[in-house]
Amino acid sequence: MINDKWETGFALITNFVFIIFGAIWTIASIYMYSDIPFGLGIIFVAIGAGSIILGIVKIFIIALGSLKTYRSSLKAKNKEDWIKDETQDN
């Protein structure tokens, strides 16, 4: 999973761009739906809707993954609290 903050930020930005591109593609393909023969315009609408859905799902995956990483780092910090230095100083 993604652990680096810069990599997470870049992934989120690219997925937002992917969603915006999908929205523009979907709107444009809806306007041009009737111009494409044999009913093939639905393919372009599906591509746009699919890219929007994929972008949203990827954002949720990144958010849940970073939340899981954050929680595991908190647990690791709490586990180290009980460790004490029991070496004897001479």
N, C-alpha and C. Protein backbone atom coordinates (compact mmCIF):
# COMPACT_ATOMS: atom_id res chain seq x y z
N MET A 1 0.85 -1.18 0.00
CA MET A 1 0.00 0.00 0.00
C MET A 1 0.88 1.23 0.00
N ILE A 2 0.30 2.32 -0.29
CA ILE A 2 1.03 3.58 -0.42
C ILE A 2 1.33 4.12 0.98
N ASN A 3 2.62 4.33 1.27
CA ASN A 3 3.01 4.83 2.58
C ASN A 3 3.57 6.24 2.52
N ASP A 4 4.15 6.62 1.42
CA ASP A 4 4.77 7.92 1.30
C ASP A 4 3.69 9.00 1.13
N LYS A 5 3.84 10.11 1.86
CA LYS A 5 2.84 11.17 1.79
C LYS A 5 2.81 11.84 0.41
N TRP A 6 3.97 12.02 -0.20
CA TRP A 6 4.01 12.63 -1.53
C TRP A 6 3.35 11.73 -2.55
N GLU A 7 3.60 10.44 -2.43
CA GLU A 7 3.01 9.49 -3.38
C GLU A 7 1.49 9.43 -3.20
N THR A 8 1.03 9.50 -1.97
CA THR A 8 -0.41 9.50 -1.71
C THR A 8 -1.06 10.76 -2.28
N GLY A 9 -0.43 11.90 -2.06
CA GLY A 9 -0.96 13.15 -2.59
C GLY A 9 -1.01 13.16 -4.10
N PHE A 10 0.05 12.67 -4.73
CA PHE A 10 0.07 12.61 -6.19
C PHE A 10 -1.01 11.67 -6.71
N ALA A 11 -1.21 10.53 -6.05
CA ALA A 11 -2.24 9.58 -6.46
C ALA A 11 -3.63 10.19 -6.33
N LEU A 12 -3.86 10.94 -5.26
CA LEU A 12 -5.16 11.59 -5.09
C LEU A 12 -5.40 12.65 -6.17
N ILE A 13 -4.38 13.44 -6.46
CA ILE A 13 -4.53 14.48 -7.48
C ILE A 13 -4.81 13.85 -8.85
N THR A 14 -4.07 12.81 -9.20
CA THR A 14 -4.30 12.18 -10.50
C THR A 14 -5.67 11.53 -10.58
N ASN A 15 -6.17 11.00 -9.47
CA ASN A 15 -7.52 10.42 -9.51
C ASN A 15 -8.59 11.50 -9.62
N PHE A 16 -8.38 12.66 -8.99
CA PHE A 16 -9.32 13.76 -9.17
C PHE A 16 -9.32 14.24 -10.63
N VAL A 17 -8.15 14.30 -11.24
CA VAL A 17 -8.07 14.67 -12.66
C VAL A 17 -8.78 13.62 -13.51
N PHE A 18 -8.63 12.35 -13.14
CA PHE A 18 -9.30 11.25 -13.85
C PHE A 18 -10.82 11.41 -13.76
N ILE A 19 -11.33 11.80 -12.59
CA ILE A 19 -12.77 12.01 -12.41
C ILE A 19 -13.25 13.19 -13.26
N ILE A 20 -12.49 14.28 -13.26
CA ILE A 20 -12.87 15.45 -14.04
C ILE A 20 -12.87 15.12 -15.53
N PHE A 21 -11.83 14.41 -15.99
CA PHE A 21 -11.78 13.98 -17.39
C PHE A 21 -12.98 13.09 -17.72
N GLY A 22 -13.33 12.18 -16.83
CA GLY A 22 -14.48 11.30 -17.06
C GLY A 22 -15.78 12.07 -17.13
N ALA A 23 -15.90 13.11 -16.28
CA ALA A 23 -17.12 13.92 -16.30
C ALA A 23 -17.24 14.69 -17.62
N ILE A 24 -16.13 15.28 -18.05
CA ILE A 24 -16.15 16.01 -19.32
C ILE A 24 -16.44 15.06 -20.48
N TRP A 25 -15.81 13.89 -20.45
CA TRP A 25 -16.02 12.88 -21.51
C TRP A 25 -17.49 12.44 -21.54
N THR A 26 -18.07 12.22 -20.36
CA THR A 26 -19.46 11.76 -20.29
C THR A 26 -20.42 12.82 -20.81
N ILE A 27 -20.22 14.06 -20.39
CA ILE A 27 -21.10 15.14 -20.84
C ILE A 27 -21.00 15.32 -22.35
N ALA A 28 -19.77 15.29 -22.87
CA ALA A 28 -19.59 15.46 -24.32
C ALA A 28 -20.19 14.29 -25.09
N SER A 29 -20.05 13.08 -24.56
CA SER A 29 -20.59 11.93 -25.28
C SER A 29 -22.11 11.88 -25.21
N ILE A 30 -22.70 12.43 -24.17
CA ILE A 30 -24.16 12.51 -24.10
C ILE A 30 -24.68 13.45 -25.19
N TYR A 31 -23.98 14.58 -25.39
CA TYR A 31 -24.39 15.51 -26.44
C TYR A 31 -24.21 14.91 -27.83
N MET A 32 -23.18 14.08 -28.01
CA MET A 32 -22.91 13.51 -29.33
C MET A 32 -23.50 12.12 -29.50
N TYR A 33 -24.29 11.66 -28.55
CA TYR A 33 -24.83 10.30 -28.56
C TYR A 33 -25.64 10.02 -29.82
N SER A 34 -26.45 10.96 -30.23
CA SER A 34 -27.33 10.72 -31.38
C SER A 34 -26.60 10.82 -32.72
N ASP A 35 -25.42 11.44 -32.73
CA ASP A 35 -24.67 11.59 -33.99
C ASP A 35 -23.92 10.33 -34.38
N ILE A 36 -23.68 9.43 -33.46
CA ILE A 36 -22.90 8.22 -33.74
C ILE A 36 -23.86 7.14 -34.23
N PRO A 37 -23.59 6.54 -35.39
CA PRO A 37 -24.52 5.57 -35.97
C PRO A 37 -24.52 4.23 -35.24
N PHE A 38 -25.56 3.48 -35.48
CA PHE A 38 -25.75 2.11 -34.99
C PHE A 38 -25.81 2.01 -33.46
N GLY A 39 -26.10 3.07 -32.78
CA GLY A 39 -26.23 3.03 -31.33
C GLY A 39 -24.92 2.82 -30.60
N LEU A 40 -23.80 3.10 -31.25
CA LEU A 40 -22.50 2.91 -30.61
C LEU A 40 -22.13 4.05 -29.66
N GLY A 41 -22.96 5.07 -29.60
CA GLY A 41 -22.69 6.18 -28.69
C GLY A 41 -22.71 5.78 -27.24
N ILE A 42 -23.44 4.71 -26.94
CA ILE A 42 -23.52 4.24 -25.56
C ILE A 42 -22.16 3.78 -25.05
N ILE A 43 -21.28 3.34 -25.96
CA ILE A 43 -19.94 2.92 -25.56
C ILE A 43 -19.16 4.10 -24.99
N PHE A 44 -19.28 5.27 -25.62
CA PHE A 44 -18.56 6.45 -25.15
C PHE A 44 -19.12 6.95 -23.82
N VAL A 45 -20.42 6.86 -23.66
CA VAL A 45 -21.03 7.22 -22.37
C VAL A 45 -20.55 6.27 -21.28
N ALA A 46 -20.46 4.99 -21.61
CA ALA A 46 -20.00 3.99 -20.64
C ALA A 46 -18.54 4.20 -20.27
N ILE A 47 -17.71 4.60 -21.23
CA ILE A 47 -16.30 4.87 -20.93
C ILE A 47 -16.19 6.04 -19.95
N GLY A 48 -16.95 7.10 -20.19
CA GLY A 48 -16.93 8.25 -19.29
C GLY A 48 -17.43 7.91 -17.90
N ALA A 49 -18.55 7.20 -17.83
CA ALA A 49 -19.10 6.82 -16.52
C ALA A 49 -18.16 5.85 -15.80
N GLY A 50 -17.54 4.96 -16.55
CA GLY A 50 -16.60 4.02 -15.94
C GLY A 50 -15.38 4.72 -15.38
N SER A 51 -14.88 5.74 -16.07
CA SER A 51 -13.72 6.45 -15.54
C SER A 51 -14.06 7.25 -14.29
N ILE A 52 -15.28 7.78 -14.22
CA ILE A 52 -15.71 8.47 -13.00
C ILE A 52 -15.79 7.49 -11.84
N ILE A 53 -16.42 6.35 -12.07
CA ILE A 53 -16.57 5.35 -11.01
C ILE A 53 -15.20 4.82 -10.58
N LEU A 54 -14.32 4.56 -11.54
CA LEU A 54 -12.99 4.06 -11.21
C LEU A 54 -12.20 5.07 -10.40
N GLY A 55 -12.29 6.35 -10.76
CA GLY A 55 -11.59 7.39 -10.00
C GLY A 55 -12.09 7.49 -8.57
N ILE A 56 -13.40 7.41 -8.38
CA ILE A 56 -13.97 7.48 -7.03
C ILE A 56 -13.56 6.27 -6.20
N VAL A 57 -13.59 5.09 -6.80
CA VAL A 57 -13.19 3.87 -6.08
C VAL A 57 -11.72 3.94 -5.69
N LYS A 58 -10.86 4.42 -6.60
CA LYS A 58 -9.43 4.54 -6.29
C LYS A 58 -9.19 5.52 -5.15
N ILE A 59 -9.96 6.61 -5.09
CA ILE A 59 -9.79 7.57 -4.00
C ILE A 59 -10.17 6.92 -2.67
N PHE A 60 -11.26 6.14 -2.65
CA PHE A 60 -11.63 5.44 -1.42
C PHE A 60 -10.58 4.42 -1.02
N ILE A 61 -10.00 3.72 -1.98
CA ILE A 61 -8.97 2.73 -1.67
C ILE A 61 -7.74 3.42 -1.07
N ILE A 62 -7.35 4.54 -1.64
CA ILE A 62 -6.19 5.27 -1.11
C ILE A 62 -6.49 5.80 0.28
N ALA A 63 -7.70 6.34 0.47
CA ALA A 63 -8.06 6.88 1.78
C ALA A 63 -8.09 5.78 2.84
N LEU A 64 -8.68 4.65 2.52
CA LEU A 64 -8.72 3.55 3.49
C LEU A 64 -7.33 2.98 3.75
N GLY A 65 -6.50 2.91 2.73
CA GLY A 65 -5.14 2.41 2.90
C GLY A 65 -4.30 3.32 3.77
N SER A 66 -4.43 4.63 3.57
CA SER A 66 -3.66 5.56 4.40
C SER A 66 -4.20 5.58 5.82
N LEU A 67 -5.50 5.38 5.99
CA LEU A 67 -6.07 5.30 7.34
C LEU A 67 -5.57 4.05 8.05
N LYS A 68 -5.48 2.95 7.33
CA LYS A 68 -4.97 1.70 7.91
C LYS A 68 -3.51 1.86 8.31
N THR A 69 -2.72 2.51 7.46
CA THR A 69 -1.31 2.76 7.77
C THR A 69 -1.19 3.65 8.99
N TYR A 70 -2.04 4.67 9.09
CA TYR A 70 -2.01 5.58 10.23
C TYR A 70 -2.36 4.83 11.52
N ARG A 71 -3.39 4.00 11.46
CA ARG A 71 -3.78 3.24 12.65
C ARG A 71 -2.70 2.26 13.08
N SER A 72 -2.06 1.60 12.12
CA SER A 72 -1.02 0.64 12.48
C SER A 72 0.19 1.36 13.06
N SER A 73 0.47 2.58 12.61
CA SER A 73 1.59 3.32 13.19
C SER A 73 1.26 3.75 14.62
N LEU A 74 -0.02 4.05 14.88
CA LEU A 74 -0.41 4.38 16.26
C LEU A 74 -0.27 3.17 17.17
N LYS A 75 -0.67 2.00 16.68
CA LYS A 75 -0.54 0.79 17.48
C LYS A 75 0.91 0.47 17.76
N ALA A 76 1.77 0.69 16.78
CA ALA A 76 3.20 0.42 16.97
C ALA A 76 3.78 1.34 18.02
N LYS A 77 3.34 2.59 18.05
CA LYS A 77 3.83 3.52 19.06
C LYS A 77 3.35 3.11 20.44
N ASN A 78 2.12 2.65 20.54
CA ASN A 78 1.59 2.25 21.84
C ASN A 78 2.26 0.98 22.34
N LYS A 79 2.66 0.08 21.46
CA LYS A 79 3.31 -1.15 21.89
C LYS A 79 4.70 -0.87 22.44
N GLU A 80 5.36 0.16 21.96
CA GLU A 80 6.70 0.47 22.44
C GLU A 80 6.69 1.13 23.81
N ASP A 81 5.55 1.60 24.27
CA ASP A 81 5.48 2.28 25.55
C ASP A 81 5.77 1.34 26.72
N TRP A 82 5.41 0.08 26.61
CA TRP A 82 5.58 -0.83 27.73
C TRP A 82 7.00 -1.38 27.81
N ILE A 83 7.80 -1.19 26.77
CA ILE A 83 9.17 -1.68 26.81
C ILE A 83 10.00 -0.76 27.71
N LYS A 84 10.67 -1.36 28.67
CA LYS A 84 11.49 -0.59 29.59
C LYS A 84 12.92 -1.07 29.51
N ASP A 85 13.81 -0.19 29.83
CA ASP A 85 15.22 -0.55 29.85
C ASP A 85 15.52 -1.18 31.21
N GLU A 86 15.74 -2.48 31.20
CA GLU A 86 16.00 -3.19 32.45
C GLU A 86 17.46 -3.59 32.61
N THR A 87 18.31 -2.99 31.81
CA THR A 87 19.73 -3.30 31.98
C THR A 87 20.24 -2.65 33.25
N GLN A 88 21.17 -3.31 33.87
CA GLN A 88 21.71 -2.78 35.13
C GLN A 88 22.94 -1.94 34.84
N ASP A 89 22.93 -0.78 35.42
CA ASP A 89 24.09 0.10 35.28
C ASP A 89 25.09 -0.23 36.37
N ASN A 90 26.32 -0.50 36.01
CA ASN A 90 27.35 -0.84 37.01
C ASN A 90 28.19 0.34 37.32
